[in-house]
PDB file of N, CA and C in Angstrom:
ATOM      1  N   MET A   1       0.840  -1.184   0.000  1.00  0.00           N
ATOM      2  CA  MET A   1       0.000   0.000   0.000  1.00  0.00           C
ATOM      3  C   MET A   1       0.880   1.240   0.000  1.00  0.00           C
ATOM      4  N   ASN A   2       0.502   2.125  -0.825  1.00  0.00           N
ATOM      5  CA  ASN A   2       1.265   3.367  -0.816  1.00  0.00           C
ATOM      6  C   ASN A   2       0.567   4.398   0.086  1.00  0.00           C
ATOM      7  N   LEU A   3       1.156   5.559   0.198  1.00  0.00           N
ATOM      8  CA  LEU A   3       0.673   6.580   1.121  1.00  0.00           C
ATOM      9  C   LEU A   3      -0.699   7.110   0.731  1.00  0.00           C
ATOM     10  N   LEU A   4      -0.978   7.199  -0.555  1.00  0.00           N
ATOM     11  CA  LEU A   4      -2.271   7.700  -1.019  1.00  0.00           C
ATOM     12  C   LEU A   4      -3.397   6.759  -0.608  1.00  0.00           C
ATOM     13  N   GLN A   5      -3.165   5.463  -0.720  1.00  0.00           N
ATOM     14  CA  GLN A   5      -4.200   4.503  -0.336  1.00  0.00           C
ATOM     15  C   GLN A   5      -4.445   4.529   1.156  1.00  0.00           C
ATOM     16  N   ILE A   6      -3.378   4.725   1.939  1.00  0.00           N
ATOM     17  CA  ILE A   6      -3.542   4.780   3.401  1.00  0.00           C
ATOM     18  C   ILE A   6      -4.329   6.020   3.787  1.00  0.00           C
ATOM     19  N   SER A   7      -4.017   7.155   3.168  1.00  0.00           N
ATOM     20  CA  SER A   7      -4.738   8.378   3.511  1.00  0.00           C
ATOM     21  C   SER A   7      -6.204   8.291   3.099  1.00  0.00           C
ATOM     22  N   LEU A   8      -6.519   7.605   1.985  1.00  0.00           N
ATOM     23  CA  LEU A   8      -7.908   7.440   1.585  1.00  0.00           C
ATOM     24  C   LEU A   8      -8.663   6.532   2.547  1.00  0.00           C
ATOM     25  N   LEU A   9      -7.992   5.515   3.052  1.00  0.00           N
ATOM     26  CA  LEU A   9      -8.625   4.640   4.028  1.00  0.00           C
ATOM     27  C   LEU A   9      -8.881   5.362   5.344  1.00  0.00           C
ATOM     28  N   LEU A  10      -7.931   6.211   5.757  1.00  0.00           N
ATOM     29  CA  LEU A  10      -8.092   6.919   7.019  1.00  0.00           C
ATOM     30  C   LEU A  10      -9.109   8.061   6.922  1.00  0.00           C
ATOM     31  N   ALA A  11      -9.371   8.531   5.727  1.00  0.00           N
ATOM     32  CA  ALA A  11     -10.295   9.654   5.565  1.00  0.00           C
ATOM     33  C   ALA A  11     -11.715   9.276   5.954  1.00  0.00           C
ATOM     34  N   HIS A  12     -12.039   7.993   5.919  1.00  0.00           N
ATOM     35  CA  HIS A  12     -13.396   7.561   6.250  1.00  0.00           C
ATOM     36  C   HIS A  12     -13.538   7.146   7.702  1.00  0.00           C
ATOM     37  N   GLU A  13     -12.508   7.242   8.473  1.00  0.00           N
ATOM     38  CA  GLU A  13     -12.578   6.865   9.878  1.00  0.00           C
ATOM     39  C   GLU A  13     -13.041   8.059  10.717  1.00  0.00           C
ATOM     40  N   ASP A  14     -13.872   7.827  11.721  1.00  0.00           N
ATOM     41  CA  ASP A  14     -14.407   8.902  12.568  1.00  0.00           C
ATOM     42  C   ASP A  14     -13.362   9.463  13.532  1.00  0.00           C
ATOM     43  N   TRP A  15     -12.450   8.646  14.007  1.00  0.00           N
ATOM     44  CA  TRP A  15     -11.480   9.119  15.004  1.00  0.00           C
ATOM     45  C   TRP A  15     -10.485  10.108  14.405  1.00  0.00           C
ATOM     46  N   VAL A  16     -10.318  10.098  13.075  1.00  0.00           N
ATOM     47  CA  VAL A  16      -9.414  11.051  12.433  1.00  0.00           C
ATOM     48  C   VAL A  16      -9.954  12.461  12.614  1.00  0.00           C
ATOM     49  N   TYR A  17     -11.253  12.647  12.445  1.00  0.00           N
ATOM     50  CA  TYR A  17     -11.837  13.971  12.610  1.00  0.00           C
ATOM     51  C   TYR A  17     -11.816  14.409  14.076  1.00  0.00           C
ATOM     52  N   THR A  18     -12.001  13.494  14.978  1.00  0.00           N
ATOM     53  CA  THR A  18     -11.960  13.812  16.402  1.00  0.00           C
ATOM     54  C   THR A  18     -10.574  14.293  16.798  1.00  0.00           C
ATOM     55  N   LYS A  19      -9.536  13.642  16.316  1.00  0.00           N
ATOM     56  CA  LYS A  19      -8.173  14.059  16.661  1.00  0.00           C
ATOM     57  C   LYS A  19      -7.856  15.424  16.050  1.00  0.00           C
ATOM     58  N   GLY A  20      -8.447  15.737  14.919  1.00  0.00           N
ATOM     59  CA  GLY A  20      -8.252  17.049  14.327  1.00  0.00           C
ATOM     60  C   GLY A  20      -8.790  18.157  15.218  1.00  0.00           C
ATOM     61  N   TRP A  21      -9.950  17.950  15.798  1.00  0.00           N
ATOM     62  CA  TRP A  21     -10.525  18.936  16.715  1.00  0.00           C
ATOM     63  C   TRP A  21      -9.691  19.054  17.979  1.00  0.00           C
ATOM     64  N   ILE A  22      -9.153  17.957  18.442  1.00  0.00           N
ATOM     65  CA  ILE A  22      -8.313  17.991  19.647  1.00  0.00           C
ATOM     66  C   ILE A  22      -7.064  18.827  19.389  1.00  0.00           C
ATOM     67  N   VAL A  23      -6.463  18.630  18.226  1.00  0.00           N
ATOM     68  CA  VAL A  23      -5.267  19.400  17.877  1.00  0.00           C
ATOM     69  C   VAL A  23      -5.608  20.880  17.742  1.00  0.00           C
ATOM     70  N   THR A  24      -6.754  21.179  17.145  1.00  0.00           N
ATOM     71  CA  THR A  24      -7.164  22.572  16.971  1.00  0.00           C
ATOM     72  C   THR A  24      -7.390  23.252  18.319  1.00  0.00           C
ATOM     73  N   ILE A  25      -8.101  22.606  19.206  1.00  0.00           N
ATOM     74  CA  ILE A  25      -8.384  23.183  20.525  1.00  0.00           C
ATOM     75  C   ILE A  25      -7.098  23.303  21.338  1.00  0.00           C
ATOM     76  N   ALA A  26      -6.236  22.308  21.276  1.00  0.00           N
ATOM     77  CA  ALA A  26      -4.970  22.372  22.018  1.00  0.00           C
ATOM     78  C   ALA A  26      -4.103  23.520  21.507  1.00  0.00           C
ATOM     79  N   GLY A  27      -4.040  23.686  20.205  1.00  0.00           N
ATOM     80  CA  GLY A  27      -3.257  24.793  19.649  1.00  0.00           C
ATOM     81  C   GLY A  27      -3.800  26.139  20.069  1.00  0.00           C
ATOM     82  N   PHE A  28      -5.127  26.283  20.054  1.00  0.00           N
ATOM     83  CA  PHE A  28      -5.746  27.534  20.481  1.00  0.00           C
ATOM     84  C   PHE A  28      -5.444  27.819  21.950  1.00  0.00           C
ATOM     85  N   LEU A  29      -5.558  26.809  22.792  1.00  0.00           N
ATOM     86  CA  LEU A  29      -5.277  27.001  24.220  1.00  0.00           C
ATOM     87  C   LEU A  29      -3.809  27.358  24.465  1.00  0.00           C
ATOM     88  N   ILE A  30      -2.913  26.752  23.726  1.00  0.00           N
ATOM     89  CA  ILE A  30      -1.490  27.067  23.886  1.00  0.00           C
ATOM     90  C   ILE A  30      -1.231  28.524  23.540  1.00  0.00           C
ATOM     91  N   VAL A  31      -1.834  29.017  22.475  1.00  0.00           N
ATOM     92  CA  VAL A  31      -1.634  30.412  22.071  1.00  0.00           C
ATOM     93  C   VAL A  31      -2.215  31.357  23.106  1.00  0.00           C
ATOM     94  N   VAL A  32      -3.405  31.083  23.609  1.00  0.00           N
ATOM     95  CA  VAL A  32      -4.041  31.951  24.602  1.00  0.00           C
ATOM     96  C   VAL A  32      -3.227  31.978  25.889  1.00  0.00           C
ATOM     97  N   ILE A  33      -2.760  30.825  26.347  1.00  0.00           N
ATOM     98  CA  ILE A  33      -1.958  30.771  27.574  1.00  0.00           C
ATOM     99  C   ILE A  33      -0.637  31.501  27.395  1.00  0.00           C
ATOM    100  N   ALA A  34      -0.008  31.345  26.236  1.00  0.00           N
ATOM    101  CA  ALA A  34       1.257  32.041  25.984  1.00  0.00           C
ATOM    102  C   ALA A  34       1.051  33.548  25.974  1.00  0.00           C
ATOM    103  N   LEU A  35      -0.028  34.037  25.367  1.00  0.00           N
ATOM    104  CA  LEU A  35      -0.312  35.475  25.367  1.00  0.00           C
ATOM    105  C   LEU A  35      -0.587  35.994  26.773  1.00  0.00           C
ATOM    106  N   PHE A  36      -1.290  35.210  27.582  1.00  0.00           N
ATOM    107  CA  PHE A  36      -1.551  35.614  28.959  1.00  0.00           C
ATOM    108  C   PHE A  36      -0.251  35.725  29.761  1.00  0.00           C
ATOM    109  N   ILE A  37       0.623  34.749  29.591  1.00  0.00           N
ATOM    110  CA  ILE A  37       1.905  34.772  30.312  1.00  0.00           C
ATOM    111  C   ILE A  37       2.748  35.963  29.872  1.00  0.00           C
ATOM    112  N   LEU A  38       2.810  36.217  28.566  1.00  0.00           N
ATOM    113  CA  LEU A  38       3.589  37.359  28.073  1.00  0.00           C
ATOM    114  C   LEU A  38       3.030  38.683  28.564  1.00  0.00           C
ATOM    115  N   SER A  39       1.710  38.832  28.555  1.00  0.00           N
ATOM    116  CA  SER A  39       1.136  40.091  29.035  1.00  0.00           C
ATOM    117  C   SER A  39       1.406  40.285  30.517  1.00  0.00           C
ATOM    118  N   THR A  40       1.378  39.214  31.300  1.00  0.00           N
ATOM    119  CA  THR A  40       1.687  39.308  32.725  1.00  0.00           C
ATOM    120  C   THR A  40       3.144  39.731  32.932  1.00  0.00           C
ATOM    121  N   ILE A  41       4.036  39.168  32.164  1.00  0.00           N
ATOM    122  CA  ILE A  41       5.457  39.530  32.279  1.00  0.00           C
ATOM    123  C   ILE A  41       5.658  40.995  31.905  1.00  0.00           C
ATOM    124  N   PHE A  42       5.044  41.445  30.815  1.00  0.00           N
ATOM    125  CA  PHE A  42       5.217  42.836  30.392  1.00  0.00           C
ATOM    126  C   PHE A  42       4.635  43.809  31.394  1.00  0.00           C
ATOM    127  N   ARG A  43       3.488  43.467  32.010  1.00  0.00           N
ATOM    128  CA  ARG A  43       2.918  44.340  33.039  1.00  0.00           C
ATOM    129  C   ARG A  43       3.841  44.423  34.248  1.00  0.00           C
ATOM    130  N   GLY A  44       4.443  43.317  34.630  1.00  0.00           N
ATOM    131  CA  GLY A  44       5.360  43.321  35.769  1.00  0.00           C
ATOM    132  C   GLY A  44       6.595  44.163  35.497  1.00  0.00           C
ATOM    133  N   VAL A  45       7.145  44.042  34.286  1.00  0.00           N
ATOM    134  CA  VAL A  45       8.323  44.833  33.930  1.00  0.00           C
ATOM    135  C   VAL A  45       7.974  46.325  33.896  1.00  0.00           C
ATOM    136  N   ALA A  46       6.792  46.662  33.366  1.00  0.00           N
ATOM    137  CA  ALA A  46       6.371  48.069  33.317  1.00  0.00           C
ATOM    138  C   ALA A  46       6.187  48.625  34.721  1.00  0.00           C
ATOM    139  N   ALA A  47       5.601  47.849  35.619  1.00  0.00           N
ATOM    140  CA  ALA A  47       5.411  48.310  36.996  1.00  0.00           C
ATOM    141  C   ALA A  47       6.757  48.505  37.691  1.00  0.00           C
ATOM    142  N   TYR A  48       7.698  47.618  37.424  1.00  0.00           N
ATOM    143  CA  TYR A  48       9.032  47.757  38.021  1.00  0.00           C
ATOM    144  C   TYR A  48       9.704  49.052  37.576  1.00  0.00           C
ATOM    145  N   PHE A  49       9.649  49.333  36.273  1.00  0.00           N
ATOM    146  CA  PHE A  49      10.295  50.550  35.782  1.00  0.00           C
ATOM    147  C   PHE A  49       9.562  51.808  36.233  1.00  0.00           C
ATOM    148  N   LYS A  50       8.247  51.741  36.419  1.00  0.00           N
ATOM    149  CA  LYS A  50       7.519  52.901  36.946  1.00  0.00           C
ATOM    150  C   LYS A  50       7.961  53.199  38.378  1.00  0.00           C
ATOM    151  N   LYS A  51       8.183  52.164  39.170  1.00  0.00           N
ATOM    152  CA  LYS A  51       8.661  52.371  40.537  1.00  0.00           C
ATOM    153  C   LYS A  51      10.060  52.963  40.535  1.00  0.00           C
ATOM    154  N   GLN A  52      10.910  52.482  39.620  1.00  0.00           N
ATOM    155  CA  GLN A  52      12.260  53.026  39.533  1.00  0.00           C
ATOM    156  C   GLN A  52      12.232  54.497  39.131  1.00  0.00           C
ATOM    157  N   ASP A  53      11.368  54.856  38.179  1.00  0.00           N
ATOM    158  CA  ASP A  53      11.256  56.253  37.767  1.00  0.00           C
ATOM    159  C   ASP A  53      10.727  57.122  38.894  1.00  0.00           C
ATOM    160  N   ALA A  54       9.788  56.592  39.664  1.00  0.00           N
ATOM    161  CA  ALA A  54       9.242  57.363  40.777  1.00  0.00           C
ATOM    162  C   ALA A  54      10.322  57.635  41.819  1.00  0.00           C
ATOM    163  N   LYS A  55      11.192  56.661  42.049  1.00  0.00           N
ATOM    164  CA  LYS A  55      12.284  56.868  43.011  1.00  0.00           C
ATOM    165  C   LYS A  55      13.272  57.912  42.498  1.00  0.00           C
ATOM    166  N   LEU A  56      13.584  57.875  41.204  1.00  0.00           N
ATOM    167  CA  LEU A  56      14.541  58.822  40.639  1.00  0.00           C
ATOM    168  C   LEU A  56      13.982  60.235  40.569  1.00  0.00           C
ATOM    169  N   ASN A  57      12.681  60.358  40.325  1.00  0.00           N
ATOM    170  CA  ASN A  57      12.076  61.675  40.167  1.00  0.00           C
ATOM    171  C   ASN A  57      11.570  62.264  41.476  1.00  0.00           C
ATOM    172  N   GLU A  58      11.817  61.584  42.549  1.00  0.00           N
ATOM    173  CA  GLU A  58      11.378  62.072  43.848  1.00  0.00           C
ATOM    174  C   GLU A  58      12.066  63.396  44.160  1.00  0.00           C
ATOM    175  N   VAL A  59      11.285  64.386  44.533  1.00  0.00           N
ATOM    176  CA  VAL A  59      11.833  65.709  44.805  1.00  0.00           C
ATOM    177  C   VAL A  59      12.385  65.713  46.227  1.00  0.00           C
ATOM    178  N   LYS A  60      13.635  66.040  46.324  1.00  0.00           N
ATOM    179  CA  LYS A  60      14.270  66.114  47.638  1.00  0.00           C
ATOM    180  C   LYS A  60      14.305  67.567  48.065  1.00  0.00           C
ATOM    181  N   THR A  61      13.944  67.812  49.287  1.00  0.00           N
ATOM    182  CA  THR A  61      13.965  69.174  49.789  1.00  0.00           C
ATOM    183  C   THR A  61      15.383  69.536  50.176  1.00  0.00           C
ATOM    184  N   VAL A  62      15.843  70.649  49.621  1.00  0.00           N
ATOM    185  CA  VAL A  62      17.193  71.107  49.887  1.00  0.00           C
ATOM    186  C   VAL A  62      17.091  72.438  50.614  1.00  0.00           C
ATOM    187  N   GLN A  63      17.815  72.531  51.704  1.00  0.00           N
ATOM    188  CA  GLN A  63      17.828  73.774  52.464  1.00  0.00           C
ATOM    189  C   GLN A  63      18.674  74.795  51.723  1.00  0.00           C
ATOM    190  N   PRO A  64      18.147  75.998  51.503  1.00  0.00           N
ATOM    191  CA  PRO A  64      18.951  77.009  50.825  1.00  0.00           C
ATOM    192  C   PRO A  64      20.130  77.430  51.694  1.00  0.00           C
ATOM    193  N   VAL A  65      21.267  77.560  51.032  1.00  0.00           N
ATOM    194  CA  VAL A  65      22.487  77.943  51.732  1.00  0.00           C
ATOM    195  C   VAL A  65      22.782  79.401  51.400  1.00  0.00           C
ATOM    196  N   ALA A  66      23.027  80.171  52.407  1.00  0.00           N
ATOM    197  CA  ALA A  66      23.345  81.574  52.186  1.00  0.00           C
ATOM    198  C   ALA A  66      24.776  81.695  51.675  1.00  0.00           C
ATOM    199  N   VAL A  67      24.935  82.341  50.521  1.00  0.00           N
ATOM    200  CA  VAL A  67      26.243  82.502  49.921  1.00  0.00           C
ATOM    201  C   VAL A  67      26.713  83.923  50.192  1.00  0.00           C
ATOM    202  N   LYS A  68      27.887  84.009  50.752  1.00  0.00           N
ATOM    203  CA  LYS A  68      28.447  85.325  51.015  1.00  0.00           C
ATOM    204  C   LYS A  68      29.253  85.761  49.801  1.00  0.00           C
ATOM    205  N   PRO A  69      29.107  87.001  49.368  1.00  0.00           N
ATOM    206  CA  PRO A  69      29.894  87.449  48.223  1.00  0.00           C
ATOM    207  C   PRO A  69      31.375  87.471  48.568  1.00  0.00           C
ATOM    208  N   ALA A  70      32.194  87.060  47.588  1.00  0.00           N
ATOM    209  CA  ALA A  70      33.638  87.005  47.817  1.00  0.00           C
ATOM    210  C   ALA A  70      34.238  88.399  47.886  1.00  0.00           C
ATOM    211  N   VAL A  71      33.684  89.305  47.103  1.00  0.00           N
ATOM    212  CA  VAL A  71      34.216  90.655  47.066  1.00  0.00           C
ATOM    213  C   VAL A  71      33.094  91.619  47.426  1.00  0.00           C
ATOM    214  N   LYS A  72      33.373  92.564  48.282  1.00  0.00           N
ATOM    215  CA  LYS A  72      32.358  93.566  48.616  1.00  0.00           C
ATOM    216  C   LYS A  72      32.328  94.591  47.495  1.00  0.00           C
ATOM    217  N   MET A  73      31.099  94.837  47.013  1.00  0.00           N
ATOM    218  CA  MET A  73      30.955  95.755  45.895  1.00  0.00           C
ATOM    219  C   MET A  73      30.160  96.968  46.349  1.00  0.00           C
ATOM    220  N   ALA A  74      30.371  98.032  45.611  1.00  0.00           N
ATOM    221  CA  ALA A  74      29.634  99.256  45.914  1.00  0.00           C
ATOM    222  C   ALA A  74      28.220  99.135  45.372  1.00  0.00           C
ATOM    223  N   GLU A  75      27.385 100.068  45.759  1.00  0.00           N
ATOM    224  CA  GLU A  75      25.991 100.082  45.326  1.00  0.00           C
ATOM    225  C   GLU A  75      25.921 100.258  43.813  1.00  0.00           C
ATOM    226  N   GLY A  76      25.147  99.407  43.095  1.00  0.00           N
ATOM    227  CA  GLY A  76      24.959  99.535  41.663  1.00  0.00           C
ATOM    228  C   GLY A  76      25.945  98.751  40.828  1.00  0.00           C
ATOM    229  N   GLU A  77      26.949  98.123  41.417  1.00  0.00           N
ATOM    230  CA  GLU A  77      27.891  97.322  40.634  1.00  0.00           C
ATOM    231  C   GLU A  77      27.335  95.919  40.424  1.00  0.00           C
ATOM    232  N   ILE A  78      27.790  95.302  39.342  1.00  0.00           N
ATOM    233  CA  ILE A  78      27.351  93.932  39.024  1.00  0.00           C
ATOM    234  C   ILE A  78      28.482  92.985  39.371  1.00  0.00           C
ATOM    235  N   ALA A  79      28.128  91.847  39.961  1.00  0.00           N
ATOM    236  CA  ALA A  79      29.126  90.871  40.389  1.00  0.00           C
ATOM    237  C   ALA A  79      29.870  90.315  39.177  1.00  0.00           C
ATOM    238  N   PRO A  80      31.161  89.994  39.333  1.00  0.00           N
ATOM    239  CA  PRO A  80      31.936  89.451  38.214  1.00  0.00           C
ATOM    240  C   PRO A  80      31.377  88.125  37.688  1.00  0.00           C
ATOM    241  N   GLU A  81      30.787  87.303  38.562  1.00  0.00           N
ATOM    242  CA  GLU A  81      30.218  86.029  38.113  1.00  0.00           C
ATOM    243  C   GLU A  81      29.046  86.251  37.168  1.00  0.00           C
ATOM    244  N   VAL A  82      28.243  87.289  37.476  1.00  0.00           N
ATOM    245  CA  VAL A  82      27.097  87.605  36.625  1.00  0.00           C
ATOM    246  C   VAL A  82      27.575  88.118  35.276  1.00  0.00           C
ATOM    247  N   LEU A  83      28.583  88.956  35.275  1.00  0.00           N
ATOM    248  CA  LEU A  83      29.134  89.473  34.022  1.00  0.00           C
ATOM    249  C   LEU A  83      29.717  88.353  33.174  1.00  0.00           C
ATOM    250  N   THR A  84      30.371  87.397  33.812  1.00  0.00           N
ATOM    251  CA  THR A  84      30.926  86.252  33.098  1.00  0.00           C
ATOM    252  C   THR A  84      29.812  85.413  32.468  1.00  0.00           C
ATOM    253  N   ALA A  85      28.727  85.184  33.203  1.00  0.00           N
ATOM    254  CA  ALA A  85      27.610  84.400  32.676  1.00  0.00           C
ATOM    255  C   ALA A  85      26.963  85.109  31.499  1.00  0.00           C
ATOM    256  N   ILE A  86      26.801  86.430  31.588  1.00  0.00           N
ATOM    257  CA  ILE A  86      26.206  87.189  30.483  1.00  0.00           C
ATOM    258  C   ILE A  86      27.105  87.132  29.256  1.00  0.00           C
ATOM    259  N   GLY A  87      28.397  87.279  29.451  1.00  0.00           N
ATOM    260  CA  GLY A  87      29.339  87.215  28.337  1.00  0.00           C
ATOM    261  C   GLY A  87      29.344  85.857  27.656  1.00  0.00           C
ATOM    262  N   MET A  88      29.299  84.787  28.436  1.00  0.00           N
ATOM    263  CA  MET A  88      29.283  83.441  27.863  1.00  0.00           C
ATOM    264  C   MET A  88      27.987  83.192  27.094  1.00  0.00           C
ATOM    265  N   ALA A  89      26.854  83.672  27.616  1.00  0.00           N
ATOM    266  CA  ALA A  89      25.584  83.503  26.925  1.00  0.00           C
ATOM    267  C   ALA A  89      25.587  84.249  25.599  1.00  0.00           C
ATOM    268  N   LEU A  90      26.127  85.448  25.569  1.00  0.00           N
ATOM    269  CA  LEU A  90      26.209  86.203  24.316  1.00  0.00           C
ATOM    270  C   LEU A  90      27.121  85.513  23.311  1.00  0.00           C
ATOM    271  N   TYR A  91      28.234  84.998  23.779  1.00  0.00           N
ATOM    272  CA  TYR A  91      29.172  84.311  22.887  1.00  0.00           C
ATOM    273  C   TYR A  91      28.521  83.067  22.270  1.00  0.00           C
ATOM    274  N   LEU A  92      27.846  82.284  23.098  1.00  0.00           N
ATOM    275  CA  LEU A  92      27.243  81.055  22.599  1.00  0.00           C
ATOM    276  C   LEU A  92      26.053  81.326  21.690  1.00  0.00           C
ATOM    277  N   SER A  93      25.321  82.405  21.923  1.00  0.00           N
ATOM    278  CA  SER A  93      24.150  82.680  21.096  1.00  0.00           C
ATOM    279  C   SER A  93      24.516  83.262  19.735  1.00  0.00           C
ATOM    280  N   THR A  94      25.677  83.887  19.615  1.00  0.00           N
ATOM    281  CA  THR A  94      26.050  84.485  18.330  1.00  0.00           C
ATOM    282  C   THR A  94      26.921  83.570  17.483  1.00  0.00           C
ATOM    283  N   ASN A  95      27.575  82.586  18.041  1.00  0.00           N
ATOM    284  CA  ASN A  95      28.491  81.728  17.285  1.00  0.00           C
ATOM    285  C   ASN A  95      27.976  80.292  17.183  1.00  0.00           C
ATOM    286  N   LEU A  96      26.692  80.139  16.888  1.00  0.00           N
ATOM    287  CA  LEU A  96      26.134  78.789  16.828  1.00  0.00           C
ATOM    288  C   LEU A  96      26.420  78.088  15.503  1.00  0.00           C
ATOM    289  N   HIS A  97      26.306  78.790  14.388  1.00  0.00           N
ATOM    290  CA  HIS A  97      26.421  78.140  13.090  1.00  0.00           C
ATOM    291  C   HIS A  97      27.433  78.861  12.209  1.00  0.00           C
ATOM    292  N   ASP A  98      27.962  78.097  11.277  1.00  0.00           N
ATOM    293  CA  ASP A  98      28.809  78.702  10.254  1.00  0.00           C
ATOM    294  C   ASP A  98      27.917  79.375   9.220  1.00  0.00           C
ATOM    295  N   GLU A  99      28.496  80.308   8.496  1.00  0.00           N
ATOM    296  CA  GLU A  99      27.732  80.936   7.426  1.00  0.00           C
ATOM    297  C   GLU A  99      27.668  79.984   6.239  1.00  0.00           C
ATOM    298  N   GLU A 100      26.468  79.850   5.683  1.00  0.00           N
ATOM    299  CA  GLU A 100      26.268  78.968   4.547  1.00  0.00           C
ATOM    300  C   GLU A 100      25.700  79.771   3.393  1.00  0.00           C
ATOM    301  N   SER A 101      25.905  79.286   2.187  1.00  0.00           N
ATOM    302  CA  SER A 101      25.470  80.022   1.005  1.00  0.00           C
ATOM    303  C   SER A 101      23.990  79.811   0.704  1.00  0.00           C
ATOM    304  N   ASN A 102      23.341  78.830   1.327  1.00  0.00           N
ATOM    305  CA  ASN A 102      21.937  78.495   1.077  1.00  0.00           C
ATOM    306  C   ASN A 102      21.674  78.132  -0.377  1.00  0.00           C
ATOM    307  N   VAL A 103      22.646  77.563  -1.040  1.00  0.00           N
ATOM    308  CA  VAL A 103      22.503  77.117  -2.415  1.00  0.00           C
ATOM    309  C   VAL A 103      22.672  75.599  -2.437  1.00  0.00           C
ATOM    310  N   ILE A 104      21.697  74.922  -2.997  1.00  0.00           N
ATOM    311  CA  ILE A 104      21.777  73.469  -3.089  1.00  0.00           C
ATOM    312  C   ILE A 104      22.452  73.121  -4.410  1.00  0.00           C
ATOM    313  N   THR A 105      23.501  72.349  -4.336  1.00  0.00           N
ATOM    314  CA  THR A 105      24.247  71.984  -5.542  1.00  0.00           C
ATOM    315  C   THR A 105      24.149  70.480  -5.745  1.00  0.00           C
ATOM    316  N   ILE A 106      23.075  70.085  -6.408  1.00  0.00           N
ATOM    317  CA  ILE A 106      22.894  68.673  -6.742  1.00  0.00           C
ATOM    318  C   ILE A 106      23.045  68.551  -8.247  1.00  0.00           C
ATOM    319  N   GLU A 107      24.017  67.805  -8.666  1.00  0.00           N
ATOM    320  CA  GLU A 107      24.249  67.628 -10.092  1.00  0.00           C
ATOM    321  C   GLU A 107      23.793  66.235 -10.498  1.00  0.00           C
ATOM    322  N   ARG A 108      23.113  66.155 -11.618  1.00  0.00           N
ATOM    323  CA  ARG A 108      22.644  64.865 -12.116  1.00  0.00           C
ATOM    324  C   ARG A 108      23.781  64.181 -12.863  1.00  0.00           C
ATOM    325  N   ARG A 109      24.023  62.951 -12.525  1.00  0.00           N
ATOM    326  CA  ARG A 109      25.051  62.196 -13.226  1.00  0.00           C
ATOM    327  C   ARG A 109      24.477  60.846 -13.627  1.00  0.00           C
ATOM    328  N   ALA A 110      24.973  60.316 -14.675  1.00  0.00           N
ATOM    329  CA  ALA A 110      24.441  59.074 -15.224  1.00  0.00           C
ATOM    330  C   ALA A 110      24.953  57.878 -14.441  1.00  0.00           C
ATOM    331  N   THR A 111      24.025  57.107 -13.939  1.00  0.00           N
ATOM    332  CA  THR A 111      24.349  55.838 -13.291  1.00  0.00           C
ATOM    333  C   THR A 111      23.471  54.775 -13.923  1.00  0.00           C
ATOM    334  N   SER A 112      23.668  53.547 -13.532  1.00  0.00           N
ATOM    335  CA  SER A 112      22.844  52.490 -14.098  1.00  0.00           C
ATOM    336  C   SER A 112      21.419  52.533 -13.533  1.00  0.00           C
ATOM    337  N   TRP A 113      21.198  53.309 -12.473  1.00  0.00           N
ATOM    338  CA  TRP A 113      19.861  53.420 -11.908  1.00  0.00           C
ATOM    339  C   TRP A 113      18.988  54.367 -12.729  1.00  0.00           C
ATOM    340  N   ASN A 114      19.580  55.416 -13.274  1.00  0.00           N
ATOM    341  CA  ASN A 114      18.771  56.385 -13.997  1.00  0.00           C
ATOM    342  C   ASN A 114      19.123  56.454 -15.485  1.00  0.00           C
ATOM    343  N   ASP A 115      19.816  55.480 -15.996  1.00  0.00           N
ATOM    344  CA  ASP A 115      20.217  55.478 -17.394  1.00  0.00           C
ATOM    345  C   ASP A 115      19.031  55.090 -18.278  1.00  0.00           C
ATOM    346  N   LYS A 116      18.806  55.847 -19.334  1.00  0.00           N
ATOM    347  CA  LYS A 116      17.673  55.606 -20.227  1.00  0.00           C
ATOM    348  C   LYS A 116      17.834  54.316 -21.033  1.00  0.00           C
ATOM    349  N   ASN A 117      19.055  53.870 -21.219  1.00  0.00           N
ATOM    350  CA  ASN A 117      19.273  52.653 -21.994  1.00  0.00           C
ATOM    351  C   ASN A 117      18.744  51.413 -21.300  1.00  0.00           C
ATOM    352  N   TYR A 118      18.612  51.465 -19.976  1.00  0.00           N
ATOM    353  CA  TYR A 118      18.140  50.314 -19.224  1.00  0.00           C
ATOM    354  C   TYR A 118      16.648  50.380 -18.938  1.00  0.00           C
ATOM    355  N   GLY A 119      15.926  51.252 -19.627  1.00  0.00           N
ATOM    356  CA  GLY A 119      14.498  51.392 -19.372  1.00  0.00           C
ATOM    357  C   GLY A 119      13.725  50.169 -19.762  1.00  0.00           C
ATOM    358  N   VAL A 120      12.542  50.017 -19.203  1.00  0.00           N
ATOM    359  CA  VAL A 120      11.728  48.843 -19.451  1.00  0.00           C
ATOM    360  C   VAL A 120      10.988  48.947 -20.787  1.00  0.00           C
ATOM    361  N   ARG A 121      10.736  50.129 -21.253  1.00  0.00           N
ATOM    362  CA  ARG A 121       9.934  50.298 -22.452  1.00  0.00           C
ATOM    363  C   ARG A 121      10.633  49.856 -23.731  1.00  0.00           C
ATOM    364  N   HIS A 122      11.922  49.844 -23.743  1.00  0.00           N
ATOM    365  CA  HIS A 122      12.672  49.531 -24.968  1.00  0.00           C
ATOM    366  C   HIS A 122      13.000  48.050 -25.022  1.00  0.00           C
ATOM    367  N   TRP A 123      12.069  47.287 -25.560  1.00  0.00           N
ATOM    368  CA  TRP A 123      12.286  45.841 -25.671  1.00  0.00           C
ATOM    369  C   TRP A 123      13.002  45.562 -26.989  1.00  0.00           C
ATOM    370  N   LYS A 124      13.978  44.705 -26.916  1.00  0.00           N
ATOM    371  CA  LYS A 124      14.674  44.287 -28.126  1.00  0.00           C
ATOM    372  C   LYS A 124      13.955  43.073 -28.687  1.00  0.00           C
ATOM    373  N   ARG A 125      13.666  43.111 -29.982  1.00  0.00           N
ATOM    374  CA  ARG A 125      12.906  42.003 -30.584  1.00  0.00           C
ATOM    375  C   ARG A 125      13.769  41.188 -31.493  1.00  0.00           C
TER     376      ARG A 125
END
């Protein structure tokens, strides 16, 4: 007996159809259980990272410390630290980019991608 004859003989048996339903239901249950397990794992990982973020973002109260000026200044003078900060801000705001010509120079050159000789319309007969 070859394989075709065996499969034709088994096609008329009732237990073949029953085993097919068992395989179908088992496969469905395996997929549902696997999805449930994965979703549980992902929820646990998300909760863990939310707790870690909450710990990192916790606002700590810091007591303000009174800073004494290093140099006594007269009325109306600006502290050297403030002048330094203003100077650095001006320097950084004016020297951000190089001067560019704002001209796009794209030149078309022949490659095998855009060559007209390789077009689809020109069939050789």
